[in-house]
Amino acid sequence: MKTKNIVLSALLIALIVVATAFVSIPIPLGYVHLGDAVIVVACFMLKPKWSIPISAIASALADLILGYFIYIPATLIVKAGFATCFALIVYNKPNLLRCVIAFLIGTVIIALGYFVYEAILYGAGVAIVNVPFNLLQGSVCGLIGGLLIQGLQKIEIVVAFRNQK
């Protein structure tokens, strides 16, 4: 991995952790945060083989920092799924339509993934309560992330970085 990729990876990990852990609104059994918007940017900036694990691990680190230990396994899987969705749909051909498709699918991945995990832990009756918040989480961050990608595509340094071999 080139030095630029290592530095960008470290920066994105830090941004995902900070945006997840400290730019958030607490809700029952969790929080709504902007970390997923940074995951979308990571999936745009880095190849999928790097953006997917970076996104999952950074999100799980935020759960660790906030004391949501029980959610770490779910977060690893759900955020890897969310990142995979964006990485595979958006990385090679980033455009608005692909971002919208990715954020719709990514939102379902977040809501369904956490619903299944919480249903196992607490029962479906309790888990269903968080579905609207998880849908909001994926939608807001997917949309913000998509808008960030559109802006980043206009910056020459970002375009040059993405086009390097």
N, C-alpha and C. Protein backbone atom coordinates (compact mmCIF):
# COMPACT_ATOMS: atom_id res chain seq x y z
N MET A 1 0.85 -1.18 0.00
CA MET A 1 0.00 0.00 0.00
C MET A 1 0.89 1.25 0.00
N LYS A 2 0.59 2.18 -0.85
CA LYS A 2 1.38 3.41 -0.92
C LYS A 2 1.16 4.25 0.33
N THR A 3 2.12 5.10 0.60
CA THR A 3 2.07 5.96 1.78
C THR A 3 0.79 6.79 1.80
N LYS A 4 0.37 7.30 0.64
CA LYS A 4 -0.86 8.09 0.56
C LYS A 4 -2.06 7.28 1.03
N ASN A 5 -2.12 6.02 0.63
CA ASN A 5 -3.24 5.16 1.02
C ASN A 5 -3.23 4.88 2.52
N ILE A 6 -2.04 4.68 3.08
CA ILE A 6 -1.92 4.42 4.51
C ILE A 6 -2.39 5.65 5.30
N VAL A 7 -1.92 6.81 4.89
CA VAL A 7 -2.30 8.05 5.58
C VAL A 7 -3.79 8.30 5.44
N LEU A 8 -4.33 8.12 4.24
CA LEU A 8 -5.77 8.33 4.04
C LEU A 8 -6.58 7.32 4.84
N SER A 9 -6.13 6.08 4.90
CA SER A 9 -6.82 5.06 5.70
C SER A 9 -6.86 5.45 7.17
N ALA A 10 -5.73 5.89 7.69
CA ALA A 10 -5.68 6.30 9.10
C ALA A 10 -6.58 7.50 9.35
N LEU A 11 -6.57 8.45 8.43
CA LEU A 11 -7.43 9.63 8.56
C LEU A 11 -8.91 9.23 8.55
N LEU A 12 -9.27 8.35 7.63
CA LEU A 12 -10.67 7.93 7.54
C LEU A 12 -11.11 7.12 8.76
N ILE A 13 -10.22 6.29 9.28
CA ILE A 13 -10.54 5.56 10.52
C ILE A 13 -10.84 6.56 11.63
N ALA A 14 -9.96 7.54 11.78
CA ALA A 14 -10.16 8.55 12.82
C ALA A 14 -11.46 9.32 12.61
N LEU A 15 -11.73 9.70 11.37
CA LEU A 15 -12.96 10.45 11.09
C LEU A 15 -14.21 9.62 11.34
N ILE A 16 -14.17 8.34 10.99
CA ILE A 16 -15.33 7.47 11.23
C ILE A 16 -15.56 7.34 12.74
N VAL A 17 -14.50 7.11 13.49
CA VAL A 17 -14.64 6.98 14.95
C VAL A 17 -15.19 8.26 15.55
N VAL A 18 -14.62 9.39 15.19
CA VAL A 18 -15.07 10.67 15.76
C VAL A 18 -16.51 10.98 15.33
N ALA A 19 -16.82 10.82 14.06
CA ALA A 19 -18.17 11.12 13.57
C ALA A 19 -19.21 10.17 14.17
N THR A 20 -18.79 8.94 14.48
CA THR A 20 -19.71 7.97 15.08
C THR A 20 -19.87 8.23 16.57
N ALA A 21 -18.76 8.40 17.26
CA ALA A 21 -18.80 8.50 18.72
C ALA A 21 -19.16 9.88 19.24
N PHE A 22 -18.80 10.92 18.51
CA PHE A 22 -18.93 12.26 19.07
C PHE A 22 -19.85 13.20 18.30
N VAL A 23 -20.30 12.80 17.13
CA VAL A 23 -21.27 13.59 16.38
C VAL A 23 -22.53 12.73 16.31
N SER A 24 -23.20 12.64 17.48
CA SER A 24 -24.31 11.70 17.58
C SER A 24 -25.44 12.22 18.44
N ILE A 25 -26.60 11.59 18.25
CA ILE A 25 -27.79 11.87 19.04
C ILE A 25 -28.20 10.55 19.69
N PRO A 26 -28.18 10.48 21.03
CA PRO A 26 -28.57 9.23 21.69
C PRO A 26 -30.05 8.90 21.46
N ILE A 27 -30.32 7.62 21.25
CA ILE A 27 -31.69 7.11 21.16
C ILE A 27 -31.75 5.84 22.01
N PRO A 28 -32.94 5.30 22.24
CA PRO A 28 -33.00 4.05 23.02
C PRO A 28 -32.15 2.96 22.37
N LEU A 29 -31.35 2.29 23.15
CA LEU A 29 -30.49 1.18 22.71
C LEU A 29 -29.44 1.58 21.69
N GLY A 30 -29.07 2.84 21.61
CA GLY A 30 -28.02 3.22 20.66
C GLY A 30 -27.98 4.70 20.40
N TYR A 31 -27.65 5.07 19.17
CA TYR A 31 -27.51 6.48 18.80
C TYR A 31 -27.56 6.63 17.29
N VAL A 32 -27.94 7.82 16.84
CA VAL A 32 -27.89 8.18 15.42
C VAL A 32 -26.68 9.10 15.28
N HIS A 33 -25.83 8.83 14.30
CA HIS A 33 -24.55 9.53 14.17
C HIS A 33 -24.22 9.80 12.71
N LEU A 34 -23.14 10.53 12.46
CA LEU A 34 -22.71 10.84 11.09
C LEU A 34 -21.57 9.96 10.61
N GLY A 35 -21.21 8.95 11.37
CA GLY A 35 -20.11 8.06 10.98
C GLY A 35 -20.35 7.35 9.66
N ASP A 36 -21.60 7.01 9.38
CA ASP A 36 -21.88 6.30 8.14
C ASP A 36 -21.67 7.19 6.91
N ALA A 37 -21.82 8.49 7.07
CA ALA A 37 -21.52 9.40 5.96
C ALA A 37 -20.03 9.35 5.63
N VAL A 38 -19.20 9.23 6.66
CA VAL A 38 -17.75 9.12 6.43
C VAL A 38 -17.43 7.75 5.82
N ILE A 39 -18.18 6.72 6.20
CA ILE A 39 -17.99 5.40 5.56
C ILE A 39 -18.24 5.51 4.06
N VAL A 40 -19.26 6.24 3.67
CA VAL A 40 -19.56 6.44 2.25
C VAL A 40 -18.36 7.11 1.56
N VAL A 41 -17.79 8.10 2.20
CA VAL A 41 -16.61 8.78 1.62
C VAL A 41 -15.44 7.81 1.54
N ALA A 42 -15.25 7.00 2.58
CA ALA A 42 -14.16 6.00 2.56
C ALA A 42 -14.33 5.05 1.38
N CYS A 43 -15.55 4.65 1.13
CA CYS A 43 -15.82 3.72 0.02
C CYS A 43 -15.61 4.37 -1.34
N PHE A 44 -15.71 5.66 -1.40
CA PHE A 44 -15.44 6.41 -2.62
C PHE A 44 -13.93 6.60 -2.81
N MET A 45 -13.22 6.86 -1.71
CA MET A 45 -11.80 7.20 -1.78
C MET A 45 -10.87 5.99 -1.90
N LEU A 46 -11.23 4.90 -1.24
CA LEU A 46 -10.34 3.73 -1.19
C LEU A 46 -10.96 2.54 -1.90
N LYS A 47 -10.11 1.67 -2.39
CA LYS A 47 -10.59 0.43 -3.00
C LYS A 47 -11.37 -0.39 -1.97
N PRO A 48 -12.34 -1.17 -2.43
CA PRO A 48 -13.17 -1.96 -1.50
C PRO A 48 -12.37 -2.83 -0.53
N LYS A 49 -11.25 -3.39 -0.98
CA LYS A 49 -10.49 -4.27 -0.08
C LYS A 49 -9.96 -3.53 1.14
N TRP A 50 -9.89 -2.19 1.07
CA TRP A 50 -9.46 -1.38 2.21
C TRP A 50 -10.63 -0.68 2.89
N SER A 51 -11.55 -0.16 2.11
CA SER A 51 -12.64 0.63 2.71
C SER A 51 -13.60 -0.21 3.54
N ILE A 52 -13.82 -1.45 3.16
CA ILE A 52 -14.77 -2.30 3.90
C ILE A 52 -14.25 -2.62 5.30
N PRO A 53 -13.03 -3.18 5.43
CA PRO A 53 -12.57 -3.46 6.81
C PRO A 53 -12.33 -2.20 7.63
N ILE A 54 -11.86 -1.13 7.00
CA ILE A 54 -11.65 0.12 7.72
C ILE A 54 -12.98 0.61 8.31
N SER A 55 -14.03 0.56 7.51
CA SER A 55 -15.34 1.03 7.96
C SER A 55 -15.87 0.20 9.12
N ALA A 56 -15.78 -1.10 9.00
CA ALA A 56 -16.29 -1.99 10.04
C ALA A 56 -15.52 -1.84 11.34
N ILE A 57 -14.20 -1.83 11.24
CA ILE A 57 -13.36 -1.76 12.45
C ILE A 57 -13.50 -0.40 13.12
N ALA A 58 -13.50 0.69 12.35
CA ALA A 58 -13.63 2.02 12.95
C ALA A 58 -14.98 2.17 13.64
N SER A 59 -16.04 1.65 13.04
CA SER A 59 -17.37 1.73 13.66
C SER A 59 -17.42 0.93 14.95
N ALA A 60 -16.80 -0.24 14.95
CA ALA A 60 -16.76 -1.07 16.16
C ALA A 60 -15.93 -0.38 17.25
N LEU A 61 -14.86 0.29 16.85
CA LEU A 61 -14.06 1.05 17.83
C LEU A 61 -14.91 2.14 18.49
N ALA A 62 -15.77 2.78 17.73
CA ALA A 62 -16.66 3.80 18.30
C ALA A 62 -17.60 3.16 19.33
N ASP A 63 -18.13 1.99 19.03
CA ASP A 63 -18.97 1.28 20.00
C ASP A 63 -18.18 0.98 21.27
N LEU A 64 -16.93 0.57 21.10
CA LEU A 64 -16.07 0.28 22.25
C LEU A 64 -15.85 1.54 23.10
N ILE A 65 -15.55 2.65 22.45
CA ILE A 65 -15.31 3.91 23.15
C ILE A 65 -16.55 4.35 23.92
N LEU A 66 -17.72 4.16 23.31
CA LEU A 66 -18.97 4.61 23.94
C LEU A 66 -19.53 3.62 24.95
N GLY A 67 -18.91 2.45 25.05
CA GLY A 67 -19.38 1.46 26.02
C GLY A 67 -20.50 0.57 25.53
N TYR A 68 -20.79 0.57 24.24
CA TYR A 68 -21.81 -0.31 23.66
C TYR A 68 -21.16 -1.64 23.26
N PHE A 69 -20.55 -2.29 24.25
CA PHE A 69 -19.79 -3.52 23.99
C PHE A 69 -20.62 -4.60 23.32
N ILE A 70 -21.86 -4.71 23.73
CA ILE A 70 -22.71 -5.78 23.21
C ILE A 70 -22.99 -5.62 21.71
N TYR A 71 -22.84 -4.39 21.21
CA TYR A 71 -23.12 -4.15 19.79
C TYR A 71 -21.90 -4.32 18.88
N ILE A 72 -20.74 -4.51 19.44
CA ILE A 72 -19.52 -4.61 18.62
C ILE A 72 -19.63 -5.71 17.55
N PRO A 73 -20.05 -6.94 17.90
CA PRO A 73 -20.15 -7.96 16.83
C PRO A 73 -21.13 -7.58 15.73
N ALA A 74 -22.27 -7.03 16.11
CA ALA A 74 -23.26 -6.62 15.11
C ALA A 74 -22.72 -5.49 14.25
N THR A 75 -22.07 -4.53 14.88
CA THR A 75 -21.53 -3.39 14.15
C THR A 75 -20.49 -3.83 13.13
N LEU A 76 -19.63 -4.75 13.50
CA LEU A 76 -18.64 -5.25 12.54
C LEU A 76 -19.31 -5.80 11.28
N ILE A 77 -20.35 -6.58 11.48
CA ILE A 77 -21.03 -7.21 10.35
C ILE A 77 -21.89 -6.21 9.58
N VAL A 78 -22.69 -5.43 10.30
CA VAL A 78 -23.60 -4.48 9.65
C VAL A 78 -22.84 -3.41 8.88
N LYS A 79 -21.82 -2.84 9.50
CA LYS A 79 -21.06 -1.78 8.81
C LYS A 79 -20.22 -2.34 7.67
N ALA A 80 -19.76 -3.57 7.79
CA ALA A 80 -19.09 -4.20 6.65
C ALA A 80 -20.07 -4.37 5.50
N GLY A 81 -21.30 -4.75 5.81
CA GLY A 81 -22.34 -4.87 4.78
C GLY A 81 -22.67 -3.54 4.15
N PHE A 82 -22.83 -2.52 4.98
CA PHE A 82 -23.12 -1.17 4.49
C PHE A 82 -21.98 -0.68 3.59
N ALA A 83 -20.74 -0.85 4.04
CA ALA A 83 -19.58 -0.42 3.26
C ALA A 83 -19.45 -1.23 1.97
N THR A 84 -19.72 -2.52 2.04
CA THR A 84 -19.65 -3.36 0.83
C THR A 84 -20.64 -2.86 -0.21
N CYS A 85 -21.83 -2.53 0.24
CA CYS A 85 -22.85 -2.00 -0.66
C CYS A 85 -22.33 -0.75 -1.39
N PHE A 86 -21.82 0.21 -0.65
CA PHE A 86 -21.31 1.43 -1.27
C PHE A 86 -20.07 1.17 -2.09
N ALA A 87 -19.17 0.35 -1.58
CA ALA A 87 -17.92 0.10 -2.30
C ALA A 87 -18.17 -0.55 -3.65
N LEU A 88 -19.05 -1.52 -3.69
CA LEU A 88 -19.29 -2.24 -4.94
C LEU A 88 -20.14 -1.45 -5.93
N ILE A 89 -21.05 -0.65 -5.43
CA ILE A 89 -21.94 0.09 -6.32
C ILE A 89 -21.33 1.42 -6.76
N VAL A 90 -20.61 2.09 -5.87
CA VAL A 90 -20.18 3.47 -6.13
C VAL A 90 -18.73 3.60 -6.55
N TYR A 91 -17.82 2.78 -6.03
CA TYR A 91 -16.38 3.04 -6.23
C TYR A 91 -15.98 3.19 -7.69
N ASN A 92 -16.35 2.25 -8.55
CA ASN A 92 -15.88 2.29 -9.94
C ASN A 92 -16.58 3.33 -10.81
N LYS A 93 -17.84 3.61 -10.52
CA LYS A 93 -18.59 4.58 -11.33
C LYS A 93 -19.42 5.47 -10.41
N PRO A 94 -18.77 6.40 -9.70
CA PRO A 94 -19.52 7.24 -8.78
C PRO A 94 -20.39 8.27 -9.51
N ASN A 95 -21.69 8.15 -9.33
CA ASN A 95 -22.62 9.16 -9.84
C ASN A 95 -23.82 9.20 -8.91
N LEU A 96 -24.67 10.17 -9.10
CA LEU A 96 -25.79 10.39 -8.18
C LEU A 96 -26.74 9.20 -8.13
N LEU A 97 -27.07 8.63 -9.27
CA LEU A 97 -27.99 7.48 -9.29
C LEU A 97 -27.42 6.30 -8.52
N ARG A 98 -26.16 6.00 -8.73
CA ARG A 98 -25.52 4.90 -8.00
C ARG A 98 -25.48 5.18 -6.51
N CYS A 99 -25.24 6.43 -6.13
CA CYS A 99 -25.25 6.79 -4.70
C CYS A 99 -26.62 6.58 -4.09
N VAL A 100 -27.66 6.97 -4.82
CA VAL A 100 -29.03 6.79 -4.32
C VAL A 100 -29.35 5.30 -4.16
N ILE A 101 -29.01 4.51 -5.15
CA ILE A 101 -29.25 3.06 -5.07
C ILE A 101 -28.49 2.47 -3.90
N ALA A 102 -27.23 2.85 -3.76
CA ALA A 102 -26.41 2.32 -2.67
C ALA A 102 -26.96 2.74 -1.31
N PHE A 103 -27.41 3.98 -1.17
CA PHE A 103 -27.89 4.39 0.14
C PHE A 103 -29.23 3.74 0.46
N LEU A 104 -30.05 3.45 -0.54
CA LEU A 104 -31.30 2.72 -0.27
C LEU A 104 -31.01 1.28 0.20
N ILE A 105 -30.12 0.62 -0.51
CA ILE A 105 -29.76 -0.75 -0.12
C ILE A 105 -29.00 -0.74 1.21
N GLY A 106 -28.09 0.20 1.37
CA GLY A 106 -27.33 0.31 2.61
C GLY A 106 -28.22 0.56 3.82
N THR A 107 -29.26 1.36 3.63
CA THR A 107 -30.21 1.64 4.71
C THR A 107 -30.92 0.36 5.14
N VAL A 108 -31.31 -0.44 4.17
CA VAL A 108 -31.97 -1.72 4.48
C VAL A 108 -31.00 -2.64 5.22
N ILE A 109 -29.75 -2.65 4.80
CA ILE A 109 -28.74 -3.49 5.46
C ILE A 109 -28.60 -3.08 6.93
N ILE A 110 -28.51 -1.78 7.20
CA ILE A 110 -28.39 -1.31 8.58
C ILE A 110 -29.62 -1.69 9.40
N ALA A 111 -30.80 -1.36 8.89
CA ALA A 111 -32.03 -1.62 9.64
C ALA A 111 -32.25 -3.12 9.86
N LEU A 112 -32.08 -3.90 8.82
CA LEU A 112 -32.29 -5.35 8.93
C LEU A 112 -31.23 -6.01 9.81
N GLY A 113 -29.98 -5.61 9.63
CA GLY A 113 -28.88 -6.19 10.41
C GLY A 113 -29.05 -5.97 11.90
N TYR A 114 -29.32 -4.73 12.29
CA TYR A 114 -29.51 -4.45 13.71
C TYR A 114 -30.81 -5.04 14.24
N PHE A 115 -31.84 -5.10 13.39
CA PHE A 115 -33.09 -5.73 13.84
C PHE A 115 -32.86 -7.20 14.18
N VAL A 116 -32.18 -7.92 13.31
CA VAL A 116 -31.92 -9.34 13.56
C VAL A 116 -31.10 -9.51 14.84
N TYR A 117 -30.06 -8.70 14.99
CA TYR A 117 -29.20 -8.81 16.18
C TYR A 117 -29.99 -8.49 17.45
N GLU A 118 -30.75 -7.41 17.43
CA GLU A 118 -31.52 -7.02 18.61
C GLU A 118 -32.65 -8.00 18.89
N ALA A 119 -33.22 -8.59 17.84
CA ALA A 119 -34.27 -9.61 18.04
C ALA A 119 -33.69 -10.83 18.75
N ILE A 120 -32.47 -11.19 18.41
CA ILE A 120 -31.81 -12.31 19.09
C ILE A 120 -31.55 -11.95 20.55
N LEU A 121 -31.10 -10.72 20.80
CA LEU A 121 -30.77 -10.30 22.16
C LEU A 121 -32.00 -10.02 23.02
N TYR A 122 -32.94 -9.28 22.47
CA TYR A 122 -34.04 -8.75 23.28
C TYR A 122 -35.42 -9.24 22.88
N GLY A 123 -35.54 -9.86 21.72
CA GLY A 123 -36.84 -10.27 21.20
C GLY A 123 -37.29 -9.30 20.12
N ALA A 124 -38.11 -9.79 19.21
CA ALA A 124 -38.55 -8.99 18.06
C ALA A 124 -39.37 -7.78 18.48
N GLY A 125 -40.15 -7.92 19.54
CA GLY A 125 -40.97 -6.80 20.00
C GLY A 125 -40.15 -5.59 20.40
N VAL A 126 -39.03 -5.83 21.04
CA VAL A 126 -38.14 -4.74 21.44
C VAL A 126 -37.34 -4.26 20.23
N ALA A 127 -36.88 -5.18 19.41
CA ALA A 127 -36.04 -4.82 18.26
C ALA A 127 -36.77 -3.95 17.25
N ILE A 128 -38.05 -4.17 17.09
CA ILE A 128 -38.82 -3.41 16.09
C ILE A 128 -38.86 -1.92 16.41
N VAL A 129 -38.71 -1.59 17.68
CA VAL A 129 -38.74 -0.18 18.10
C VAL A 129 -37.62 0.62 17.45
N ASN A 130 -36.46 0.01 17.26
CA ASN A 130 -35.31 0.72 16.71
C ASN A 130 -35.26 0.75 15.19
N VAL A 131 -36.13 0.02 14.52
CA VAL A 131 -36.10 -0.01 13.06
C VAL A 131 -36.25 1.39 12.45
N PRO A 132 -37.20 2.21 12.90
CA PRO A 132 -37.30 3.56 12.31
C PRO A 132 -36.02 4.39 12.51
N PHE A 133 -35.38 4.26 13.67
CA PHE A 133 -34.15 5.01 13.93
C PHE A 133 -33.02 4.51 13.03
N ASN A 134 -32.96 3.20 12.82
CA ASN A 134 -31.93 2.65 11.94
C ASN A 134 -32.17 3.01 10.49
N LEU A 135 -33.44 3.09 10.09
CA LEU A 135 -33.76 3.56 8.74
C LEU A 135 -33.35 5.02 8.58
N LEU A 136 -33.61 5.81 9.61
CA LEU A 136 -33.20 7.21 9.60
C LEU A 136 -31.68 7.31 9.52
N GLN A 137 -30.98 6.50 10.31
CA GLN A 137 -29.52 6.49 10.33
C GLN A 137 -28.96 6.24 8.92
N GLY A 138 -29.42 5.18 8.30
CA GLY A 138 -28.90 4.85 6.96
C GLY A 138 -29.28 5.88 5.92
N SER A 139 -30.50 6.38 5.99
CA SER A 139 -30.97 7.34 4.99
C SER A 139 -30.22 8.66 5.07
N VAL A 140 -30.15 9.22 6.27
CA VAL A 140 -29.49 10.51 6.45
C VAL A 140 -28.02 10.42 6.06
N CYS A 141 -27.34 9.41 6.58
CA CYS A 141 -25.90 9.30 6.30
C CYS A 141 -25.62 8.90 4.86
N GLY A 142 -26.45 8.08 4.29
CA GLY A 142 -26.27 7.73 2.88
C GLY A 142 -26.44 8.95 2.00
N LEU A 143 -27.43 9.77 2.31
CA LEU A 143 -27.67 10.98 1.54
C LEU A 143 -26.53 11.99 1.73
N ILE A 144 -26.13 12.23 2.97
CA ILE A 144 -25.02 13.15 3.25
C ILE A 144 -23.74 12.64 2.58
N GLY A 145 -23.48 11.35 2.72
CA GLY A 145 -22.29 10.76 2.09
C GLY A 145 -22.31 10.90 0.58
N GLY A 146 -23.48 10.68 -0.02
CA GLY A 146 -23.62 10.84 -1.47
C GLY A 146 -23.34 12.27 -1.91
N LEU A 147 -23.84 13.23 -1.14
CA LEU A 147 -23.58 14.64 -1.45
C LEU A 147 -22.10 14.97 -1.28
N LEU A 148 -21.47 14.41 -0.25
CA LEU A 148 -20.03 14.61 -0.06
C LEU A 148 -19.25 14.06 -1.25
N ILE A 149 -19.64 12.89 -1.73
CA ILE A 149 -18.97 12.30 -2.90
C ILE A 149 -19.10 13.22 -4.11
N GLN A 150 -20.30 13.76 -4.32
CA GLN A 150 -20.50 14.65 -5.46
C GLN A 150 -19.58 15.86 -5.36
N GLY A 151 -19.41 16.40 -4.15
CA GLY A 151 -18.51 17.52 -3.95
C GLY A 151 -17.05 17.13 -4.13
N LEU A 152 -16.67 15.97 -3.62
CA LEU A 152 -15.28 15.52 -3.72
C LEU A 152 -14.87 15.26 -5.17
N GLN A 153 -15.82 14.88 -6.01
CA GLN A 153 -15.50 14.62 -7.41
C GLN A 153 -15.06 15.89 -8.14
N LYS A 154 -15.38 17.03 -7.59
CA LYS A 154 -15.02 18.30 -8.22
C LYS A 154 -13.66 18.83 -7.75
N ILE A 155 -13.06 18.18 -6.78
CA ILE A 155 -11.77 18.63 -6.25
C ILE A 155 -10.65 17.89 -6.97
N GLU A 156 -9.76 18.62 -7.60
CA GLU A 156 -8.71 18.03 -8.44
C GLU A 156 -7.83 17.05 -7.68
N ILE A 157 -7.47 17.36 -6.44
CA ILE A 157 -6.58 16.49 -5.66
C ILE A 157 -7.24 15.13 -5.44
N VAL A 158 -8.53 15.14 -5.15
CA VAL A 158 -9.26 13.89 -4.93
C VAL A 158 -9.33 13.08 -6.21
N VAL A 159 -9.61 13.75 -7.31
CA VAL A 159 -9.68 13.07 -8.61
C VAL A 159 -8.33 12.46 -8.95
N ALA A 160 -7.26 13.20 -8.74
CA ALA A 160 -5.91 12.69 -9.02
C ALA A 160 -5.60 11.49 -8.11
N PHE A 161 -5.97 11.57 -6.84
CA PHE A 161 -5.71 10.47 -5.91
C PHE A 161 -6.46 9.21 -6.36
N ARG A 162 -7.71 9.34 -6.71
CA ARG A 162 -8.50 8.18 -7.13
C ARG A 162 -7.99 7.58 -8.44
N ASN A 163 -7.41 8.39 -9.30
CA ASN A 163 -6.95 7.91 -10.60
C ASN A 163 -5.55 7.34 -10.58
N GLN A 164 -4.86 7.42 -9.45
CA GLN A 164 -3.50 6.86 -9.38
C GLN A 164 -3.54 5.34 -9.47
N LYS A 165 -2.50 4.78 -9.96
CA LYS A 165 -2.42 3.32 -10.09
C LYS A 165 -1.87 2.70 -8.83
